[in-house]
C-alpha atoms as a PDB file:
ATOM      1  CA  UNK A   1    -154.879  -8.315-160.178  1.00  0.00           C
ATOM      2  CA  UNK A   2    -152.224 -10.255-158.225  1.00  0.00           C
ATOM      3  CA  UNK A   3    -150.814  -7.220-156.418  1.00  0.00           C
ATOM      4  CA  UNK A   4    -148.456  -7.994-153.570  1.00  0.00           C
ATOM      5  CA  UNK A   5    -149.641  -6.454-150.301  1.00  0.00           C
ATOM      6  CA  UNK A   6    -147.284  -4.122-148.496  1.00  0.00           C
ATOM      7  CA  UNK A   7    -146.996  -4.506-144.747  1.00  0.00           C
ATOM      8  CA  UNK A   8    -145.273  -2.290-142.194  1.00  0.00           C
ATOM      9  CA  UNK A   9    -143.450  -5.368-140.867  1.00  0.00           C
ATOM     10  CA  UNK A  10    -140.635  -7.273-142.586  1.00  0.00           C
ATOM     11  CA  UNK A  11    -138.647 -10.407-141.812  1.00  0.00           C
ATOM     12  CA  UNK A  12    -135.970  -9.931-139.102  1.00  0.00           C
ATOM     13  CA  UNK A  13    -137.716  -6.848-137.635  1.00  0.00           C
ATOM     14  CA  UNK A  14    -138.075  -6.625-133.870  1.00  0.00           C
ATOM     15  CA  UNK A  15    -141.723  -6.045-132.998  1.00  0.00           C
ATOM     16  CA  UNK A  16    -143.823  -5.497-129.881  1.00  0.00           C
ATOM     17  CA  UNK A  17    -147.125  -7.336-129.409  1.00  0.00           C
ATOM     18  CA  UNK A  18    -149.929  -4.830-128.702  1.00  0.00           C
ATOM     19  CA  UNK A  19    -152.811  -7.145-127.783  1.00  0.00           C
ATOM     20  CA  UNK A  20    -153.671 -10.725-127.013  1.00  0.00           C
ATOM     21  CA  UNK A  21    -152.174 -13.276-124.638  1.00  0.00           C
ATOM     22  CA  UNK A  22    -148.619 -12.094-125.367  1.00  0.00           C
ATOM     23  CA  UNK A  23    -149.301  -8.359-124.957  1.00  0.00           C
ATOM     24  CA  UNK A  24    -146.186  -6.355-124.123  1.00  0.00           C
ATOM     25  CA  UNK A  25    -143.647  -8.931-125.283  1.00  0.00           C
ATOM     26  CA  UNK A  26    -141.088  -8.231-127.986  1.00  0.00           C
ATOM     27  CA  UNK A  27    -139.824 -10.747-130.521  1.00  0.00           C
ATOM     28  CA  UNK A  28    -138.079 -11.132-133.865  1.00  0.00           C
ATOM     29  CA  UNK A  29    -140.161 -11.732-137.005  1.00  0.00           C
ATOM     30  CA  UNK A  30    -139.347 -15.120-138.555  1.00  0.00           C
ATOM     31  CA  UNK A  31    -141.714 -15.018-141.533  1.00  0.00           C
ATOM     32  CA  UNK A  32    -144.378 -12.717-142.979  1.00  0.00           C
ATOM     33  CA  UNK A  33    -147.535 -13.884-144.760  1.00  0.00           C
ATOM     34  CA  UNK A  34    -148.746 -10.825-146.760  1.00  0.00           C
ATOM     35  CA  UNK A  35    -151.750 -12.658-148.259  1.00  0.00           C
ATOM     36  CA  UNK A  36    -153.062 -13.443-144.766  1.00  0.00           C
ATOM     37  CA  UNK A  37    -151.829 -10.215-143.083  1.00  0.00           C
ATOM     38  CA  UNK A  38    -150.014 -12.321-140.483  1.00  0.00           C
ATOM     39  CA  UNK A  39    -146.490 -12.713-139.144  1.00  0.00           C
ATOM     40  CA  UNK A  40    -144.668 -15.529-137.376  1.00  0.00           C
ATOM     41  CA  UNK A  41    -142.734 -14.428-134.272  1.00  0.00           C
ATOM     42  CA  UNK A  42    -139.885 -16.212-132.530  1.00  0.00           C
ATOM     43  CA  UNK A  43    -141.105 -17.898-129.320  1.00  0.00           C
ATOM     44  CA  UNK A  44    -144.492 -16.129-129.309  1.00  0.00           C
ATOM     45  CA  UNK A  45    -147.975 -17.705-129.665  1.00  0.00           C
ATOM     46  CA  UNK A  46    -146.740 -21.280-129.199  1.00  0.00           C
ATOM     47  CA  UNK A  47    -149.268 -24.014-130.047  1.00  0.00           C
ATOM     48  CA  UNK A  48    -149.180 -27.784-129.750  1.00  0.00           C
ATOM     49  CA  UNK A  49    -149.261 -29.675-133.034  1.00  0.00           C
ATOM     50  CA  UNK A  50    -149.995 -33.400-132.994  1.00  0.00           C
ATOM     51  CA  UNK A  51    -147.812 -35.430-135.371  1.00  0.00           C
ATOM     52  CA  UNK A  52    -148.790 -38.854-136.705  1.00  0.00           C
ATOM     53  CA  UNK A  53    -146.135 -41.562-136.618  1.00  0.00           C
ATOM     54  CA  UNK A  54    -144.187 -41.841-139.889  1.00  0.00           C
ATOM     55  CA  UNK A  55    -141.044 -43.493-141.232  1.00  0.00           C
ATOM     56  CA  UNK A  56    -138.890 -40.495-140.226  1.00  0.00           C
ATOM     57  CA  UNK A  57    -140.638 -40.118-136.862  1.00  0.00           C
ATOM     58  CA  UNK A  58    -141.918 -43.551-135.731  1.00  0.00           C
ATOM     59  CA  UNK A  59    -142.918 -42.238-132.302  1.00  0.00           C
ATOM     60  CA  UNK A  60    -145.185 -39.429-133.523  1.00  0.00           C
ATOM     61  CA  UNK A  61    -146.096 -37.157-130.624  1.00  0.00           C
ATOM     62  CA  UNK A  62    -146.774 -33.516-129.918  1.00  0.00           C
ATOM     63  CA  UNK A  63    -144.626 -30.638-131.168  1.00  0.00           C
ATOM     64  CA  UNK A  64    -144.602 -27.059-129.865  1.00  0.00           C
ATOM     65  CA  UNK A  65    -144.409 -24.496-132.666  1.00  0.00           C
ATOM     66  CA  UNK A  66    -145.169 -20.845-133.309  1.00  0.00           C
ATOM     67  CA  UNK A  67    -148.497 -19.787-134.801  1.00  0.00           C
ATOM     68  CA  UNK A  68    -148.918 -16.585-136.872  1.00  0.00           C
ATOM     69  CA  UNK A  69    -150.241 -13.351-135.307  1.00  0.00           C
ATOM     70  CA  UNK A  70    -152.206 -10.686-137.202  1.00  0.00           C
ATOM     71  CA  UNK A  71    -150.011  -7.701-138.119  1.00  0.00           C
ATOM     72  CA  UNK A  72    -152.545  -5.232-136.674  1.00  0.00           C
ATOM     73  CA  UNK A  73    -151.496  -6.508-133.229  1.00  0.00           C
ATOM     74  CA  UNK A  74    -147.808  -5.791-133.880  1.00  0.00           C
ATOM     75  CA  UNK A  75    -145.729  -2.616-133.861  1.00  0.00           C
ATOM     76  CA  UNK A  76    -142.151  -2.188-135.068  1.00  0.00           C
ATOM     77  CA  UNK A  77    -139.596  -1.394-132.349  1.00  0.00           C
ATOM     78  CA  UNK A  78    -137.346   1.586-133.127  1.00  0.00           C
ATOM     79  CA  UNK A  79    -133.733   0.293-133.145  1.00  0.00           C
ATOM     80  CA  UNK A  80    -132.410   3.609-131.800  1.00  0.00           C
ATOM     81  CA  UNK A  81    -134.620   3.895-128.695  1.00  0.00           C
ATOM     82  CA  UNK A  82    -136.141   0.442-128.206  1.00  0.00           C
ATOM     83  CA  UNK A  83    -139.629   1.988-128.158  1.00  0.00           C
ATOM     84  CA  UNK A  84    -142.486   0.871-130.435  1.00  0.00           C
ATOM     85  CA  UNK A  85    -143.068   3.313-133.269  1.00  0.00           C
ATOM     86  CA  UNK A  86    -145.148   3.797-136.373  1.00  0.00           C
ATOM     87  CA  UNK A  87    -143.365   3.393-139.687  1.00  0.00           C
ATOM     88  CA  UNK A  88    -143.323   5.700-142.685  1.00  0.00           C
ATOM     89  CA  UNK A  89    -141.495   5.716-146.013  1.00  0.00           C
ATOM     90  CA  UNK A  90    -139.284   8.450-147.398  1.00  0.00           C
ATOM     91  CA  UNK A  91    -136.336   8.756-149.759  1.00  0.00           C
ATOM     92  CA  UNK A  92    -132.853   8.343-148.288  1.00  0.00           C
ATOM     93  CA  UNK A  93    -129.703  10.183-149.427  1.00  0.00           C
ATOM     94  CA  UNK A  94    -129.364   8.069-152.572  1.00  0.00           C
ATOM     95  CA  UNK A  95    -133.030   8.620-153.509  1.00  0.00           C
ATOM     96  CA  UNK A  96    -134.202   5.104-152.642  1.00  0.00           C
ATOM     97  CA  UNK A  97    -137.416   4.733-150.651  1.00  0.00           C
ATOM     98  CA  UNK A  98    -136.717   3.426-147.166  1.00  0.00           C
ATOM     99  CA  UNK A  99    -138.706   2.878-143.965  1.00  0.00           C
ATOM    100  CA  UNK A 100    -138.202   5.314-141.101  1.00  0.00           C
ATOM    101  CA  UNK A 101    -139.342   5.694-137.508  1.00  0.00           C
ATOM    102  CA  UNK A 102    -142.034   8.334-137.082  1.00  0.00           C
ATOM    103  CA  UNK A 103    -140.909   8.963-133.482  1.00  0.00           C
ATOM    104  CA  UNK A 104    -137.221   9.662-134.075  1.00  0.00           C
ATOM    105  CA  UNK A 105    -137.124  10.154-137.844  1.00  0.00           C
ATOM    106  CA  UNK A 106    -134.241   7.679-138.206  1.00  0.00           C
ATOM    107  CA  UNK A 107    -134.152   5.087-140.964  1.00  0.00           C
ATOM    108  CA  UNK A 108    -134.945   1.471-140.124  1.00  0.00           C
ATOM    109  CA  UNK A 109    -132.554  -0.984-141.788  1.00  0.00           C
END
């Protein structure tokens, strides 16, 4: 029963944030967490993480890092037009299933 979930977002996609504090901003996807339905975006949803002093970091301190955002709040940006679009799957010329933009019908890498 360990089926891998399929998401409409993949690593290195450019996405637009649809809701929340960062609504309207676009960013690149750094990592996707299919089990949690979340994605980590570059420079978006920054949080402060407190770090205890250690041998490698004797000072400790506070680090700014990205926190994951739920994929329902994200939409893939069409590379051809730069507009957010829904994503579908269809066979390309060689018969392999590939994602495509529902707005323009063009394949997404």
